[in-house]
Amino acid sequence: AIDRPASSPGPVAVEVVGRCVLSDAHGGPPERAHGGVVAILLDETIGQAATAAGSTGLTAGLTLRYRAGTPLHTPLTVQARYTRTEGRKHFATGELRAGSLLTAEAEGVFIAP
């Protein structure tokens, strides 16, 4: 459940954080996560940030930048935040890290139904 102020008329600033460890089932290159799994983690987390901000929508675009291989069997942190709304379009950004190593970042565009 997400707590939002009842009096909040529109999207509010929010950041969400998730933690996970990927196993061999998520592998791509040796000892690294498959890029599609990285995309799923970021899409889901930035979508949750937009939803928590009050800007629910369907993913219309996802721009990913892979910065380093995401290691398996290592604690990962995925952070995301709602950034803005333009009409029916809602935007959120996020990053995936293994410790201090930035492995991927993304921006998502969500269209309100």
C-alpha atoms as a PDB file:
ATOM      1  CA  ALA A   1       0.000   0.000   0.000  1.00  0.00           C
ATOM      2  CA  ILE A   2       1.149   3.519  -0.779  1.00  0.00           C
ATOM      3  CA  ASP A   3       0.330   6.447   1.489  1.00  0.00           C
ATOM      4  CA  ARG A   4      -0.545   9.664  -0.335  1.00  0.00           C
ATOM      5  CA  PRO A   5      -1.925  12.801   1.277  1.00  0.00           C
ATOM      6  CA  ALA A   6      -5.724  12.762   0.830  1.00  0.00           C
ATOM      7  CA  SER A   7      -5.666  16.453  -0.059  1.00  0.00           C
ATOM      8  CA  SER A   8      -3.099  16.010  -2.844  1.00  0.00           C
ATOM      9  CA  PRO A   9      -4.784  17.121  -6.111  1.00  0.00           C
ATOM     10  CA  GLY A  10      -2.127  15.846  -8.532  1.00  0.00           C
ATOM     11  CA  PRO A  11       1.096  13.889  -8.712  1.00  0.00           C
ATOM     12  CA  VAL A  12       3.394  14.212  -5.724  1.00  0.00           C
ATOM     13  CA  ALA A  13       7.170  13.836  -5.521  1.00  0.00           C
ATOM     14  CA  VAL A  14       8.011  10.253  -4.651  1.00  0.00           C
ATOM     15  CA  GLU A  15      10.961   7.883  -4.766  1.00  0.00           C
ATOM     16  CA  VAL A  16      10.783   4.108  -4.471  1.00  0.00           C
ATOM     17  CA  VAL A  17      13.599   1.683  -3.661  1.00  0.00           C
ATOM     18  CA  GLY A  18      13.742  -2.052  -4.262  1.00  0.00           C
ATOM     19  CA  ARG A  19      16.370  -4.634  -3.448  1.00  0.00           C
ATOM     20  CA  CYS A  20      17.005  -8.043  -4.964  1.00  0.00           C
ATOM     21  CA  VAL A  21      19.613 -10.669  -5.771  1.00  0.00           C
ATOM     22  CA  LEU A  22      19.506 -12.265  -9.218  1.00  0.00           C
ATOM     23  CA  SER A  23      20.299 -15.957  -9.674  1.00  0.00           C
ATOM     24  CA  ASP A  24      21.592 -18.060 -12.560  1.00  0.00           C
ATOM     25  CA  ALA A  25      17.996 -18.192 -13.835  1.00  0.00           C
ATOM     26  CA  HIS A  26      18.380 -14.477 -14.716  1.00  0.00           C
ATOM     27  CA  GLY A  27      21.699 -14.908 -16.521  1.00  0.00           C
ATOM     28  CA  GLY A  28      22.812 -13.707 -19.909  1.00  0.00           C
ATOM     29  CA  PRO A  29      26.566 -13.250 -20.353  1.00  0.00           C
ATOM     30  CA  PRO A  30      28.761 -15.232 -17.950  1.00  0.00           C
ATOM     31  CA  GLU A  31      28.083 -14.141 -14.345  1.00  0.00           C
ATOM     32  CA  ARG A  32      25.904 -11.243 -15.535  1.00  0.00           C
ATOM     33  CA  ALA A  33      22.160 -10.619 -15.722  1.00  0.00           C
ATOM     34  CA  HIS A  34      20.353 -10.781 -19.052  1.00  0.00           C
ATOM     35  CA  GLY A  35      19.604  -7.277 -20.355  1.00  0.00           C
ATOM     36  CA  GLY A  36      15.897  -8.115 -20.573  1.00  0.00           C
ATOM     37  CA  VAL A  37      15.808  -8.877 -16.852  1.00  0.00           C
ATOM     38  CA  VAL A  38      17.472  -5.525 -16.155  1.00  0.00           C
ATOM     39  CA  ALA A  39      14.819  -3.844 -18.328  1.00  0.00           C
ATOM     40  CA  ILE A  40      12.007  -5.577 -16.408  1.00  0.00           C
ATOM     41  CA  LEU A  41      13.439  -4.453 -13.046  1.00  0.00           C
ATOM     42  CA  LEU A  42      13.647  -0.841 -14.188  1.00  0.00           C
ATOM     43  CA  ASP A  43      10.287  -0.792 -16.010  1.00  0.00           C
ATOM     44  CA  GLU A  44       8.472  -2.201 -12.985  1.00  0.00           C
ATOM     45  CA  THR A  45      10.194   0.066 -10.467  1.00  0.00           C
ATOM     46  CA  ILE A  46       9.787   3.312 -12.397  1.00  0.00           C
ATOM     47  CA  GLY A  47       6.182   2.331 -13.089  1.00  0.00           C
ATOM     48  CA  GLN A  48       5.661   1.882  -9.350  1.00  0.00           C
ATOM     49  CA  ALA A  49       7.177   5.333  -8.731  1.00  0.00           C
ATOM     50  CA  ALA A  50       4.759   6.919 -11.207  1.00  0.00           C
ATOM     51  CA  THR A  51       1.835   5.033  -9.651  1.00  0.00           C
ATOM     52  CA  ALA A  52       2.885   6.032  -6.125  1.00  0.00           C
ATOM     53  CA  ALA A  53       3.005   9.654  -7.291  1.00  0.00           C
ATOM     54  CA  GLY A  54      -0.582   9.388  -8.530  1.00  0.00           C
ATOM     55  CA  SER A  55       0.321   9.175 -12.219  1.00  0.00           C
ATOM     56  CA  THR A  56      -0.871   5.722 -13.240  1.00  0.00           C
ATOM     57  CA  GLY A  57      -0.477   4.752 -16.879  1.00  0.00           C
ATOM     58  CA  LEU A  58       0.607   2.152 -19.390  1.00  0.00           C
ATOM     59  CA  THR A  59       4.237   2.007 -20.474  1.00  0.00           C
ATOM     60  CA  ALA A  60       4.496   3.873 -23.785  1.00  0.00           C
ATOM     61  CA  GLY A  61       8.279   4.077 -23.904  1.00  0.00           C
ATOM     62  CA  LEU A  62      11.294   2.876 -22.005  1.00  0.00           C
ATOM     63  CA  THR A  63      14.741   4.272 -22.720  1.00  0.00           C
ATOM     64  CA  LEU A  64      17.541   2.181 -21.197  1.00  0.00           C
ATOM     65  CA  ARG A  65      21.231   2.889 -20.859  1.00  0.00           C
ATOM     66  CA  TYR A  66      23.337  -0.078 -19.851  1.00  0.00           C
ATOM     67  CA  ARG A  67      26.411   1.246 -18.039  1.00  0.00           C
ATOM     68  CA  ALA A  68      28.039  -1.984 -16.815  1.00  0.00           C
ATOM     69  CA  GLY A  69      27.195  -5.661 -16.606  1.00  0.00           C
ATOM     70  CA  THR A  70      24.777  -6.368 -13.758  1.00  0.00           C
ATOM     71  CA  PRO A  71      26.316  -9.116 -11.621  1.00  0.00           C
ATOM     72  CA  LEU A  72      24.449 -12.224 -10.494  1.00  0.00           C
ATOM     73  CA  HIS A  73      24.455 -13.376  -6.835  1.00  0.00           C
ATOM     74  CA  THR A  74      25.080  -9.801  -5.651  1.00  0.00           C
ATOM     75  CA  PRO A  75      22.734  -7.509  -3.706  1.00  0.00           C
ATOM     76  CA  LEU A  76      21.220  -4.983  -6.114  1.00  0.00           C
ATOM     77  CA  THR A  77      19.345  -1.761  -5.456  1.00  0.00           C
ATOM     78  CA  VAL A  78      16.895  -0.273  -7.915  1.00  0.00           C
ATOM     79  CA  GLN A  79      15.725   3.294  -7.260  1.00  0.00           C
ATOM     80  CA  ALA A  80      13.135   5.277  -9.170  1.00  0.00           C
ATOM     81  CA  ARG A  81      11.309   8.557  -8.975  1.00  0.00           C
ATOM     82  CA  TYR A  82       8.401  10.282 -10.679  1.00  0.00           C
ATOM     83  CA  THR A  83       9.728  13.335 -12.529  1.00  0.00           C
ATOM     84  CA  ARG A  84       6.937  15.143 -14.379  1.00  0.00           C
ATOM     85  CA  THR A  85       3.637  15.107 -16.258  1.00  0.00           C
ATOM     86  CA  GLU A  86       2.887  16.560 -19.688  1.00  0.00           C
ATOM     87  CA  GLY A  87      -0.809  16.179 -20.470  1.00  0.00           C
ATOM     88  CA  ARG A  88      -1.589  12.431 -20.356  1.00  0.00           C
ATOM     89  CA  LYS A  89       2.131  11.526 -20.355  1.00  0.00           C
ATOM     90  CA  HIS A  90       3.831  10.778 -17.055  1.00  0.00           C
ATOM     91  CA  PHE A  91       7.615  10.446 -16.761  1.00  0.00           C
ATOM     92  CA  ALA A  92       9.793   8.613 -14.251  1.00  0.00           C
ATOM     93  CA  THR A  93      13.480   7.732 -14.081  1.00  0.00           C
ATOM     94  CA  GLY A  94      15.509   5.122 -12.269  1.00  0.00           C
ATOM     95  CA  GLU A  95      18.821   3.373 -11.793  1.00  0.00           C
ATOM     96  CA  LEU A  96      20.077  -0.103 -10.958  1.00  0.00           C
ATOM     97  CA  ARG A  97      23.181  -0.441  -8.797  1.00  0.00           C
ATOM     98  CA  ALA A  98      25.375  -3.194  -7.451  1.00  0.00           C
ATOM     99  CA  GLY A  99      26.830  -1.407  -4.429  1.00  0.00           C
ATOM    100  CA  SER A 100      28.253   1.844  -5.794  1.00  0.00           C
ATOM    101  CA  LEU A 101      28.452   0.503  -9.380  1.00  0.00           C
ATOM    102  CA  LEU A 102      25.780   1.983 -11.665  1.00  0.00           C
ATOM    103  CA  THR A 103      24.815  -0.846 -14.013  1.00  0.00           C
ATOM    104  CA  ALA A 104      21.814   0.665 -15.829  1.00  0.00           C
ATOM    105  CA  GLU A 105      19.531   3.680 -15.901  1.00  0.00           C
ATOM    106  CA  ALA A 106      16.198   4.320 -17.550  1.00  0.00           C
ATOM    107  CA  GLU A 107      13.459   6.803 -18.291  1.00  0.00           C
ATOM    108  CA  GLY A 108       9.903   5.641 -18.735  1.00  0.00           C
ATOM    109  CA  VAL A 109       6.927   7.341 -20.337  1.00  0.00           C
ATOM    110  CA  PHE A 110       3.503   6.219 -19.132  1.00  0.00           C
ATOM    111  CA  ILE A 111       0.231   7.195 -20.794  1.00  0.00           C
ATOM    112  CA  ALA A 112      -2.844   7.684 -18.611  1.00  0.00           C
ATOM    113  CA  PRO A 113      -5.822   5.579 -19.740  1.00  0.00           C
END
